[in-house]
Amino acid sequence: MTAEQDTAMIARQLAELTRTVEQMGIQLKSLRESSASQQERADIQHERIDLAARELAEVSARLQAAAAALRESV
């Protein structure tokens, strides 16, 4: 192989490597955005679960108070 052919081969390999790295960068950006979006959804879902748990605790307390009042009236 001549020096010119070696140079051409290395240039092709470098171009392919550059394309691969650019594609990986695009994929990484997409994964980061997806991850952030999923984390945001998880945070919102967690907040909703916390709110539902608080509401359930309040309803439970009201039911217990009503049951106690009913027992006293009987």
N, C-alpha and C. Protein backbone atom coordinates (compact mmCIF):
# COMPACT_ATOMS: atom_id res chain seq x y z
N MET A 1 0.84 -1.17 0.00
CA MET A 1 0.00 0.00 0.00
C MET A 1 0.89 1.24 0.00
N THR A 2 0.51 2.20 -0.79
CA THR A 2 1.30 3.44 -0.85
C THR A 2 0.88 4.36 0.28
N ALA A 3 1.70 5.35 0.50
CA ALA A 3 1.39 6.34 1.53
C ALA A 3 0.09 7.06 1.21
N GLU A 4 -0.15 7.29 -0.08
CA GLU A 4 -1.38 7.96 -0.50
C GLU A 4 -2.60 7.09 -0.18
N GLN A 5 -2.48 5.80 -0.42
CA GLN A 5 -3.58 4.89 -0.12
C GLN A 5 -3.81 4.78 1.39
N ASP A 6 -2.71 4.75 2.13
CA ASP A 6 -2.83 4.73 3.60
C ASP A 6 -3.56 5.98 4.09
N THR A 7 -3.17 7.12 3.56
CA THR A 7 -3.79 8.38 3.96
C THR A 7 -5.27 8.38 3.62
N ALA A 8 -5.61 7.89 2.43
CA ALA A 8 -7.01 7.83 2.02
C ALA A 8 -7.81 6.90 2.93
N MET A 9 -7.23 5.76 3.27
CA MET A 9 -7.91 4.80 4.13
C MET A 9 -8.13 5.41 5.52
N ILE A 10 -7.11 6.06 6.05
CA ILE A 10 -7.22 6.68 7.37
C ILE A 10 -8.26 7.80 7.33
N ALA A 11 -8.30 8.56 6.26
CA ALA A 11 -9.29 9.63 6.12
C ALA A 11 -10.71 9.06 6.11
N ARG A 12 -10.91 7.95 5.42
CA ARG A 12 -12.23 7.30 5.39
C ARG A 12 -12.62 6.80 6.78
N GLN A 13 -11.65 6.18 7.44
CA GLN A 13 -11.92 5.68 8.79
C GLN A 13 -12.24 6.82 9.75
N LEU A 14 -11.51 7.90 9.62
CA LEU A 14 -11.74 9.07 10.47
C LEU A 14 -13.12 9.67 10.19
N ALA A 15 -13.51 9.73 8.92
CA ALA A 15 -14.83 10.26 8.56
C ALA A 15 -15.93 9.37 9.14
N GLU A 16 -15.75 8.06 9.05
CA GLU A 16 -16.74 7.13 9.60
C GLU A 16 -16.81 7.26 11.11
N LEU A 17 -15.66 7.38 11.75
CA LEU A 17 -15.62 7.55 13.19
C LEU A 17 -16.33 8.85 13.59
N THR A 18 -16.09 9.91 12.83
CA THR A 18 -16.74 11.19 13.10
C THR A 18 -18.25 11.06 13.01
N ARG A 19 -18.75 10.38 11.96
CA ARG A 19 -20.19 10.17 11.81
C ARG A 19 -20.75 9.36 12.98
N THR A 20 -20.02 8.34 13.37
CA THR A 20 -20.46 7.50 14.49
C THR A 20 -20.55 8.30 15.77
N VAL A 21 -19.55 9.12 16.03
CA VAL A 21 -19.54 9.94 17.24
C VAL A 21 -20.69 10.94 17.20
N GLU A 22 -20.96 11.54 16.04
CA GLU A 22 -22.07 12.49 15.91
C GLU A 22 -23.39 11.78 16.18
N GLN A 23 -23.56 10.57 15.64
CA GLN A 23 -24.79 9.81 15.87
C GLN A 23 -24.94 9.45 17.35
N MET A 24 -23.84 9.09 17.97
CA MET A 24 -23.89 8.78 19.39
C MET A 24 -24.27 10.02 20.20
N GLY A 25 -23.77 11.17 19.80
CA GLY A 25 -24.12 12.42 20.47
C GLY A 25 -25.62 12.71 20.35
N ILE A 26 -26.17 12.47 19.19
CA ILE A 26 -27.60 12.68 18.98
C ILE A 26 -28.41 11.71 19.85
N GLN A 27 -27.97 10.45 19.87
CA GLN A 27 -28.66 9.45 20.70
C GLN A 27 -28.58 9.80 22.18
N LEU A 28 -27.42 10.26 22.61
CA LEU A 28 -27.24 10.64 24.01
C LEU A 28 -28.15 11.80 24.37
N LYS A 29 -28.23 12.79 23.49
CA LYS A 29 -29.11 13.94 23.74
C LYS A 29 -30.55 13.47 23.86
N SER A 30 -30.96 12.58 22.97
CA SER A 30 -32.32 12.04 23.00
C SER A 30 -32.58 11.29 24.29
N LEU A 31 -31.62 10.49 24.72
CA LEU A 31 -31.77 9.74 25.97
C LEU A 31 -31.87 10.68 27.17
N ARG A 32 -31.07 11.73 27.17
CA ARG A 32 -31.13 12.70 28.27
C ARG A 32 -32.49 13.36 28.33
N GLU A 33 -33.01 13.77 27.17
CA GLU A 33 -34.31 14.42 27.12
C GLU A 33 -35.41 13.46 27.57
N SER A 34 -35.32 12.23 27.10
CA SER A 34 -36.30 11.22 27.49
C SER A 34 -36.24 10.96 28.99
N SER A 35 -35.05 10.87 29.51
CA SER A 35 -34.86 10.62 30.94
C SER A 35 -35.44 11.76 31.77
N ALA A 36 -35.17 13.00 31.33
CA ALA A 36 -35.70 14.16 32.05
C ALA A 36 -37.22 14.16 32.02
N SER A 37 -37.77 13.81 30.88
CA SER A 37 -39.23 13.76 30.73
C SER A 37 -39.81 12.68 31.63
N GLN A 38 -39.18 11.52 31.65
CA GLN A 38 -39.65 10.43 32.50
C GLN A 38 -39.55 10.80 33.98
N GLN A 39 -38.47 11.48 34.34
CA GLN A 39 -38.30 11.89 35.73
C GLN A 39 -39.38 12.89 36.12
N GLU A 40 -39.69 13.81 35.20
CA GLU A 40 -40.74 14.80 35.46
C GLU A 40 -42.09 14.10 35.66
N ARG A 41 -42.39 13.12 34.80
CA ARG A 41 -43.65 12.37 34.95
C ARG A 41 -43.67 11.61 36.27
N ALA A 42 -42.54 11.02 36.63
CA ALA A 42 -42.46 10.28 37.90
C ALA A 42 -42.66 11.22 39.08
N ASP A 43 -42.08 12.42 39.02
CA ASP A 43 -42.25 13.40 40.09
C ASP A 43 -43.72 13.80 40.24
N ILE A 44 -44.37 14.04 39.10
CA ILE A 44 -45.79 14.42 39.12
C ILE A 44 -46.62 13.28 39.69
N GLN A 45 -46.33 12.06 39.25
CA GLN A 45 -47.07 10.91 39.75
C GLN A 45 -46.85 10.75 41.26
N HIS A 46 -45.63 10.97 41.71
CA HIS A 46 -45.34 10.86 43.14
C HIS A 46 -46.13 11.92 43.92
N GLU A 47 -46.21 13.13 43.41
CA GLU A 47 -46.99 14.19 44.06
C GLU A 47 -48.46 13.80 44.13
N ARG A 48 -48.98 13.22 43.07
CA ARG A 48 -50.39 12.79 43.06
C ARG A 48 -50.63 11.68 44.07
N ILE A 49 -49.69 10.75 44.17
CA ILE A 49 -49.82 9.67 45.15
C ILE A 49 -49.79 10.23 46.56
N ASP A 50 -48.89 11.18 46.83
CA ASP A 50 -48.83 11.80 48.15
C ASP A 50 -50.15 12.51 48.49
N LEU A 51 -50.69 13.24 47.52
CA LEU A 51 -51.96 13.94 47.73
C LEU A 51 -53.08 12.95 48.00
N ALA A 52 -53.13 11.88 47.22
CA ALA A 52 -54.17 10.86 47.42
C ALA A 52 -54.03 10.22 48.79
N ALA A 53 -52.81 9.97 49.23
CA ALA A 53 -52.58 9.37 50.55
C ALA A 53 -53.05 10.31 51.65
N ARG A 54 -52.77 11.61 51.51
CA ARG A 54 -53.24 12.58 52.51
C ARG A 54 -54.77 12.63 52.54
N GLU A 55 -55.38 12.65 51.35
CA GLU A 55 -56.84 12.68 51.27
C GLU A 55 -57.44 11.42 51.89
N LEU A 56 -56.84 10.28 51.62
CA LEU A 56 -57.31 9.02 52.19
C LEU A 56 -57.20 9.04 53.72
N ALA A 57 -56.12 9.58 54.23
CA ALA A 57 -55.95 9.68 55.68
C ALA A 57 -57.02 10.58 56.28
N GLU A 58 -57.33 11.69 55.59
CA GLU A 58 -58.39 12.59 56.08
C GLU A 58 -59.75 11.90 56.08
N VAL A 59 -60.06 11.18 55.01
CA VAL A 59 -61.33 10.46 54.92
C VAL A 59 -61.39 9.39 56.01
N SER A 60 -60.30 8.69 56.22
CA SER A 60 -60.25 7.66 57.26
C SER A 60 -60.52 8.27 58.62
N ALA A 61 -59.91 9.41 58.90
CA ALA A 61 -60.12 10.08 60.19
C ALA A 61 -61.58 10.48 60.35
N ARG A 62 -62.19 11.00 59.28
CA ARG A 62 -63.61 11.39 59.35
C ARG A 62 -64.50 10.17 59.57
N LEU A 63 -64.19 9.07 58.89
CA LEU A 63 -64.98 7.85 59.08
C LEU A 63 -64.85 7.32 60.50
N GLN A 64 -63.65 7.37 61.05
CA GLN A 64 -63.46 6.91 62.42
C GLN A 64 -64.22 7.79 63.39
N ALA A 65 -64.21 9.10 63.14
CA ALA A 65 -64.97 10.02 64.00
C ALA A 65 -66.46 9.74 63.89
N ALA A 66 -66.93 9.50 62.68
CA ALA A 66 -68.35 9.21 62.49
C ALA A 66 -68.72 7.89 63.17
N ALA A 67 -67.85 6.88 63.06
CA ALA A 67 -68.11 5.60 63.71
C ALA A 67 -68.16 5.76 65.21
N ALA A 68 -67.25 6.55 65.76
CA ALA A 68 -67.21 6.77 67.20
C ALA A 68 -68.49 7.50 67.64
N ALA A 69 -68.91 8.50 66.85
CA ALA A 69 -70.13 9.23 67.20
C ALA A 69 -71.34 8.31 67.12
N LEU A 70 -71.36 7.43 66.16
CA LEU A 70 -72.47 6.48 66.01
C LEU A 70 -72.52 5.52 67.19
N ARG A 71 -71.35 5.04 67.64
CA ARG A 71 -71.30 4.13 68.79
C ARG A 71 -71.81 4.84 70.05
N GLU A 72 -71.46 6.10 70.20
CA GLU A 72 -71.89 6.84 71.38
C GLU A 72 -73.39 7.06 71.37
N SER A 73 -73.96 7.22 70.19
CA SER A 73 -75.40 7.49 70.13
C SER A 73 -76.26 6.24 70.33
N VAL A 74 -75.61 5.08 70.21
CA VAL A 74 -76.38 3.82 70.35
C VAL A 74 -76.44 3.39 71.75
